[in-house]
Amino acid sequence: MDQFKYEVAHELGIQPPADGYWGMMTTRDTGTIGGHMTRKLVAMAEQQLASRQPF
């Protein structure tokens, strides 16, 4: 999950902290990253459910 956070930050053009401590980042940036992570995870879950074969 941590790697996913860095990937999303990179996609959004947000520079992740070099030391790994996210506490010094703005609330807006961390909220944006978390929101995009959630959207991507929901989309992945929906895709998996849609691809399941009915019994």
PDB file of N, CA and C in Angstrom:
ATOM      1  N   MET A   1       0.825  -1.177   0.000  1.00  0.00           N
ATOM      2  CA  MET A   1       0.000   0.000   0.000  1.00  0.00           C
ATOM      3  C   MET A   1       0.877   1.251   0.000  1.00  0.00           C
ATOM      4  N   ASP A   2       1.996   1.184   0.684  1.00  0.00           N
ATOM      5  CA  ASP A   2       2.885   2.337   0.748  1.00  0.00           C
ATOM      6  C   ASP A   2       3.437   2.678  -0.635  1.00  0.00           C
ATOM      7  N   GLN A   3       3.802   1.661  -1.393  1.00  0.00           N
ATOM      8  CA  GLN A   3       4.309   1.880  -2.748  1.00  0.00           C
ATOM      9  C   GLN A   3       3.220   2.498  -3.621  1.00  0.00           C
ATOM     10  N   PHE A   4       1.990   2.048  -3.435  1.00  0.00           N
ATOM     11  CA  PHE A   4       0.849   2.581  -4.181  1.00  0.00           C
ATOM     12  C   PHE A   4       0.681   4.070  -3.898  1.00  0.00           C
ATOM     13  N   LYS A   5       0.890   4.466  -2.652  1.00  0.00           N
ATOM     14  CA  LYS A   5       0.786   5.880  -2.270  1.00  0.00           C
ATOM     15  C   LYS A   5       1.822   6.715  -3.017  1.00  0.00           C
ATOM     16  N   TYR A   6       3.039   6.220  -3.107  1.00  0.00           N
ATOM     17  CA  TYR A   6       4.088   6.930  -3.830  1.00  0.00           C
ATOM     18  C   TYR A   6       3.777   7.018  -5.323  1.00  0.00           C
ATOM     19  N   GLU A   7       3.225   5.933  -5.890  1.00  0.00           N
ATOM     20  CA  GLU A   7       2.875   5.930  -7.305  1.00  0.00           C
ATOM     21  C   GLU A   7       1.793   6.969  -7.604  1.00  0.00           C
ATOM     22  N   VAL A   8       0.771   7.034  -6.757  1.00  0.00           N
ATOM     23  CA  VAL A   8      -0.310   7.992  -6.955  1.00  0.00           C
ATOM     24  C   VAL A   8       0.220   9.414  -6.806  1.00  0.00           C
ATOM     25  N   ALA A   9       1.058   9.653  -5.822  1.00  0.00           N
ATOM     26  CA  ALA A   9       1.637  10.989  -5.639  1.00  0.00           C
ATOM     27  C   ALA A   9       2.416  11.389  -6.884  1.00  0.00           C
ATOM     28  N   HIS A  10       3.179  10.467  -7.430  1.00  0.00           N
ATOM     29  CA  HIS A  10       3.954  10.746  -8.637  1.00  0.00           C
ATOM     30  C   HIS A  10       3.036  11.069  -9.811  1.00  0.00           C
ATOM     31  N   GLU A  11       1.950  10.297  -9.975  1.00  0.00           N
ATOM     32  CA  GLU A  11       0.989  10.535 -11.053  1.00  0.00           C
ATOM     33  C   GLU A  11       0.366  11.925 -10.946  1.00  0.00           C
ATOM     34  N   LEU A  12       0.159  12.389  -9.717  1.00  0.00           N
ATOM     35  CA  LEU A  12      -0.475  13.683  -9.493  1.00  0.00           C
ATOM     36  C   LEU A  12       0.521  14.839  -9.525  1.00  0.00           C
ATOM     37  N   GLY A  13       1.794  14.521  -9.628  1.00  0.00           N
ATOM     38  CA  GLY A  13       2.810  15.567  -9.653  1.00  0.00           C
ATOM     39  C   GLY A  13       3.122  16.126  -8.280  1.00  0.00           C
ATOM     40  N   ILE A  14       2.807  15.358  -7.244  1.00  0.00           N
ATOM     41  CA  ILE A  14       3.096  15.766  -5.873  1.00  0.00           C
ATOM     42  C   ILE A  14       4.381  15.089  -5.442  1.00  0.00           C
ATOM     43  N   GLN A  15       5.318  15.869  -4.961  1.00  0.00           N
ATOM     44  CA  GLN A  15       6.612  15.334  -4.537  1.00  0.00           C
ATOM     45  C   GLN A  15       6.468  14.662  -3.173  1.00  0.00           C
ATOM     46  N   PRO A  16       6.597  13.338  -3.110  1.00  0.00           N
ATOM     47  CA  PRO A  16       6.523  12.663  -1.814  1.00  0.00           C
ATOM     48  C   PRO A  16       7.757  12.984  -0.971  1.00  0.00           C
ATOM     49  N   PRO A  17       7.633  12.894   0.336  1.00  0.00           N
ATOM     50  CA  PRO A  17       8.776  13.204   1.199  1.00  0.00           C
ATOM     51  C   PRO A  17       9.908  12.199   1.011  1.00  0.00           C
ATOM     52  N   ALA A  18      11.111  12.703   0.933  1.00  0.00           N
ATOM     53  CA  ALA A  18      12.278  11.843   0.738  1.00  0.00           C
ATOM     54  C   ALA A  18      12.536  10.939   1.939  1.00  0.00           C
ATOM     55  N   ASP A  19      12.214  11.443   3.123  1.00  0.00           N
ATOM     56  CA  ASP A  19      12.473  10.661   4.338  1.00  0.00           C
ATOM     57  C   ASP A  19      11.325   9.716   4.705  1.00  0.00           C
ATOM     58  N   GLY A  20      10.221   9.755   3.926  1.00  0.00           N
ATOM     59  CA  GLY A  20       9.101   8.862   4.187  1.00  0.00           C
ATOM     60  C   GLY A  20       8.110   9.369   5.216  1.00  0.00           C
ATOM     61  N   TYR A  21       8.380  10.524   5.803  1.00  0.00           N
ATOM     62  CA  TYR A  21       7.481  11.085   6.820  1.00  0.00           C
ATOM     63  C   TYR A  21       6.502  12.035   6.137  1.00  0.00           C
ATOM     64  N   TRP A  22       5.231  11.671   6.105  1.00  0.00           N
ATOM     65  CA  TRP A  22       4.211  12.433   5.402  1.00  0.00           C
ATOM     66  C   TRP A  22       3.615  13.538   6.268  1.00  0.00           C
ATOM     67  N   GLY A  23       3.988  13.624   7.525  1.00  0.00           N
ATOM     68  CA  GLY A  23       3.405  14.581   8.456  1.00  0.00           C
ATOM     69  C   GLY A  23       3.682  16.036   8.158  1.00  0.00           C
ATOM     70  N   MET A  24       4.696  16.335   7.369  1.00  0.00           N
ATOM     71  CA  MET A  24       5.025  17.725   7.062  1.00  0.00           C
ATOM     72  C   MET A  24       4.353  18.198   5.766  1.00  0.00           C
ATOM     73  N   MET A  25       3.610  17.318   5.114  1.00  0.00           N
ATOM     74  CA  MET A  25       2.927  17.694   3.879  1.00  0.00           C
ATOM     75  C   MET A  25       1.612  18.395   4.211  1.00  0.00           C
ATOM     76  N   THR A  26       1.115  19.156   3.241  1.00  0.00           N
ATOM     77  CA  THR A  26      -0.144  19.864   3.479  1.00  0.00           C
ATOM     78  C   THR A  26      -1.304  18.878   3.491  1.00  0.00           C
ATOM     79  N   THR A  27      -2.346  19.248   4.200  1.00  0.00           N
ATOM     80  CA  THR A  27      -3.545  18.425   4.263  1.00  0.00           C
ATOM     81  C   THR A  27      -4.157  18.273   2.880  1.00  0.00           C
ATOM     82  N   ARG A  28      -4.092  19.324   2.099  1.00  0.00           N
ATOM     83  CA  ARG A  28      -4.645  19.273   0.741  1.00  0.00           C
ATOM     84  C   ARG A  28      -3.936  18.211  -0.093  1.00  0.00           C
ATOM     85  N   ASP A  29      -2.609  18.161  -0.031  1.00  0.00           N
ATOM     86  CA  ASP A  29      -1.856  17.183  -0.823  1.00  0.00           C
ATOM     87  C   ASP A  29      -2.124  15.755  -0.358  1.00  0.00           C
ATOM     88  N   THR A  30      -2.083  15.538   0.952  1.00  0.00           N
ATOM     89  CA  THR A  30      -2.314  14.173   1.445  1.00  0.00           C
ATOM     90  C   THR A  30      -3.753  13.736   1.193  1.00  0.00           C
ATOM     91  N   GLY A  31      -4.702  14.663   1.286  1.00  0.00           N
ATOM     92  CA  GLY A  31      -6.093  14.345   0.990  1.00  0.00           C
ATOM     93  C   GLY A  31      -6.301  14.018  -0.475  1.00  0.00           C
ATOM     94  N   THR A  32      -5.612  14.734  -1.339  1.00  0.00           N
ATOM     95  CA  THR A  32      -5.693  14.468  -2.774  1.00  0.00           C
ATOM     96  C   THR A  32      -5.146  13.081  -3.083  1.00  0.00           C
ATOM     97  N   ILE A  33      -4.021  12.759  -2.493  1.00  0.00           N
ATOM     98  CA  ILE A  33      -3.418  11.438  -2.707  1.00  0.00           C
ATOM     99  C   ILE A  33      -4.356  10.346  -2.201  1.00  0.00           C
ATOM    100  N   GLY A  34      -4.873  10.512  -0.988  1.00  0.00           N
ATOM    101  CA  GLY A  34      -5.784   9.511  -0.419  1.00  0.00           C
ATOM    102  C   GLY A  34      -7.058   9.359  -1.233  1.00  0.00           C
ATOM    103  N   GLY A  35      -7.590  10.462  -1.724  1.00  0.00           N
ATOM    104  CA  GLY A  35      -8.800  10.405  -2.538  1.00  0.00           C
ATOM    105  C   GLY A  35      -8.585   9.657  -3.837  1.00  0.00           C
ATOM    106  N   HIS A  36      -7.463   9.912  -4.478  1.00  0.00           N
ATOM    107  CA  HIS A  36      -7.156   9.210  -5.723  1.00  0.00           C
ATOM    108  C   HIS A  36      -6.873   7.740  -5.480  1.00  0.00           C
ATOM    109  N   MET A  37      -6.236   7.435  -4.361  1.00  0.00           N
ATOM    110  CA  MET A  37      -5.996   6.029  -4.017  1.00  0.00           C
ATOM    111  C   MET A  37      -7.329   5.306  -3.864  1.00  0.00           C
ATOM    112  N   THR A  38      -8.264   5.929  -3.163  1.00  0.00           N
ATOM    113  CA  THR A  38      -9.575   5.323  -2.939  1.00  0.00           C
ATOM    114  C   THR A  38     -10.309   5.110  -4.255  1.00  0.00           C
ATOM    115  N   ARG A  39     -10.296   6.115  -5.122  1.00  0.00           N
ATOM    116  CA  ARG A  39     -10.961   5.978  -6.422  1.00  0.00           C
ATOM    117  C   ARG A  39     -10.370   4.825  -7.231  1.00  0.00           C
ATOM    118  N   LYS A  40      -9.050   4.718  -7.229  1.00  0.00           N
ATOM    119  CA  LYS A  40      -8.397   3.645  -7.986  1.00  0.00           C
ATOM    120  C   LYS A  40      -8.729   2.273  -7.391  1.00  0.00           C
ATOM    121  N   LEU A  41      -8.732   2.164  -6.070  1.00  0.00           N
ATOM    122  CA  LEU A  41      -9.045   0.881  -5.431  1.00  0.00           C
ATOM    123  C   LEU A  41     -10.489   0.462  -5.701  1.00  0.00           C
ATOM    124  N   VAL A  42     -11.417   1.413  -5.657  1.00  0.00           N
ATOM    125  CA  VAL A  42     -12.816   1.111  -5.953  1.00  0.00           C
ATOM    126  C   VAL A  42     -12.959   0.677  -7.398  1.00  0.00           C
ATOM    127  N   ALA A  43     -12.296   1.365  -8.309  1.00  0.00           N
ATOM    128  CA  ALA A  43     -12.363   1.000  -9.730  1.00  0.00           C
ATOM    129  C   ALA A  43     -11.801  -0.402  -9.954  1.00  0.00           C
ATOM    130  N   MET A  44     -10.717  -0.737  -9.273  1.00  0.00           N
ATOM    131  CA  MET A  44     -10.130  -2.073  -9.406  1.00  0.00           C
ATOM    132  C   MET A  44     -11.091  -3.135  -8.886  1.00  0.00           C
ATOM    133  N   ALA A  45     -11.735  -2.870  -7.756  1.00  0.00           N
ATOM    134  CA  ALA A  45     -12.679  -3.830  -7.179  1.00  0.00           C
ATOM    135  C   ALA A  45     -13.893  -4.002  -8.092  1.00  0.00           C
ATOM    136  N   GLU A  46     -14.396  -2.900  -8.647  1.00  0.00           N
ATOM    137  CA  GLU A  46     -15.531  -2.986  -9.564  1.00  0.00           C
ATOM    138  C   GLU A  46     -15.173  -3.788 -10.804  1.00  0.00           C
ATOM    139  N   GLN A  47     -13.965  -3.594 -11.289  1.00  0.00           N
ATOM    140  CA  GLN A  47     -13.517  -4.332 -12.470  1.00  0.00           C
ATOM    141  C   GLN A  47     -13.429  -5.825 -12.163  1.00  0.00           C
ATOM    142  N   GLN A  48     -12.926  -6.173 -10.998  1.00  0.00           N
ATOM    143  CA  GLN A  48     -12.831  -7.580 -10.618  1.00  0.00           C
ATOM    144  C   GLN A  48     -14.214  -8.199 -10.490  1.00  0.00           C
ATOM    145  N   LEU A  49     -15.152  -7.470  -9.885  1.00  0.00           N
ATOM    146  CA  LEU A  49     -16.508  -7.992  -9.737  1.00  0.00           C
ATOM    147  C   LEU A  49     -17.190  -8.154 -11.090  1.00  0.00           C
ATOM    148  N   ALA A  50     -16.963  -7.217 -11.986  1.00  0.00           N
ATOM    149  CA  ALA A  50     -17.587  -7.281 -13.305  1.00  0.00           C
ATOM    150  C   ALA A  50     -17.038  -8.423 -14.146  1.00  0.00           C
ATOM    151  N   SER A  51     -15.806  -8.813 -13.912  1.00  0.00           N
ATOM    152  CA  SER A  51     -15.190  -9.863 -14.713  1.00  0.00           C
ATOM    153  C   SER A  51     -15.471 -11.268 -14.193  1.00  0.00           C
ATOM    154  N   ARG A  52     -16.117 -11.370 -13.048  1.00  0.00           N
ATOM    155  CA  ARG A  52     -16.439 -12.696 -12.497  1.00  0.00           C
ATOM    156  C   ARG A  52     -17.520 -13.370 -13.344  1.00  0.00           C
ATOM    157  N   GLN A  53     -17.371 -14.661 -13.476  1.00  0.00           N
ATOM    158  CA  GLN A  53     -18.349 -15.448 -14.215  1.00  0.00           C
ATOM    159  C   GLN A  53     -19.512 -15.793 -13.294  1.00  0.00           C
ATOM    160  N   PRO A  54     -20.752 -15.703 -13.784  1.00  0.00           N
ATOM    161  CA  PRO A  54     -21.889 -16.102 -12.949  1.00  0.00           C
ATOM    162  C   PRO A  54     -21.878 -17.610 -12.725  1.00  0.00           C
ATOM    163  N   PHE A  55     -22.422 -18.031 -11.610  1.00  0.00           N
ATOM    164  CA  PHE A  55     -22.420 -19.463 -11.262  1.00  0.00           C
ATOM    165  C   PHE A  55     -23.358 -20.242 -12.123  1.00  0.00           C
TER     166      PHE A  55
END
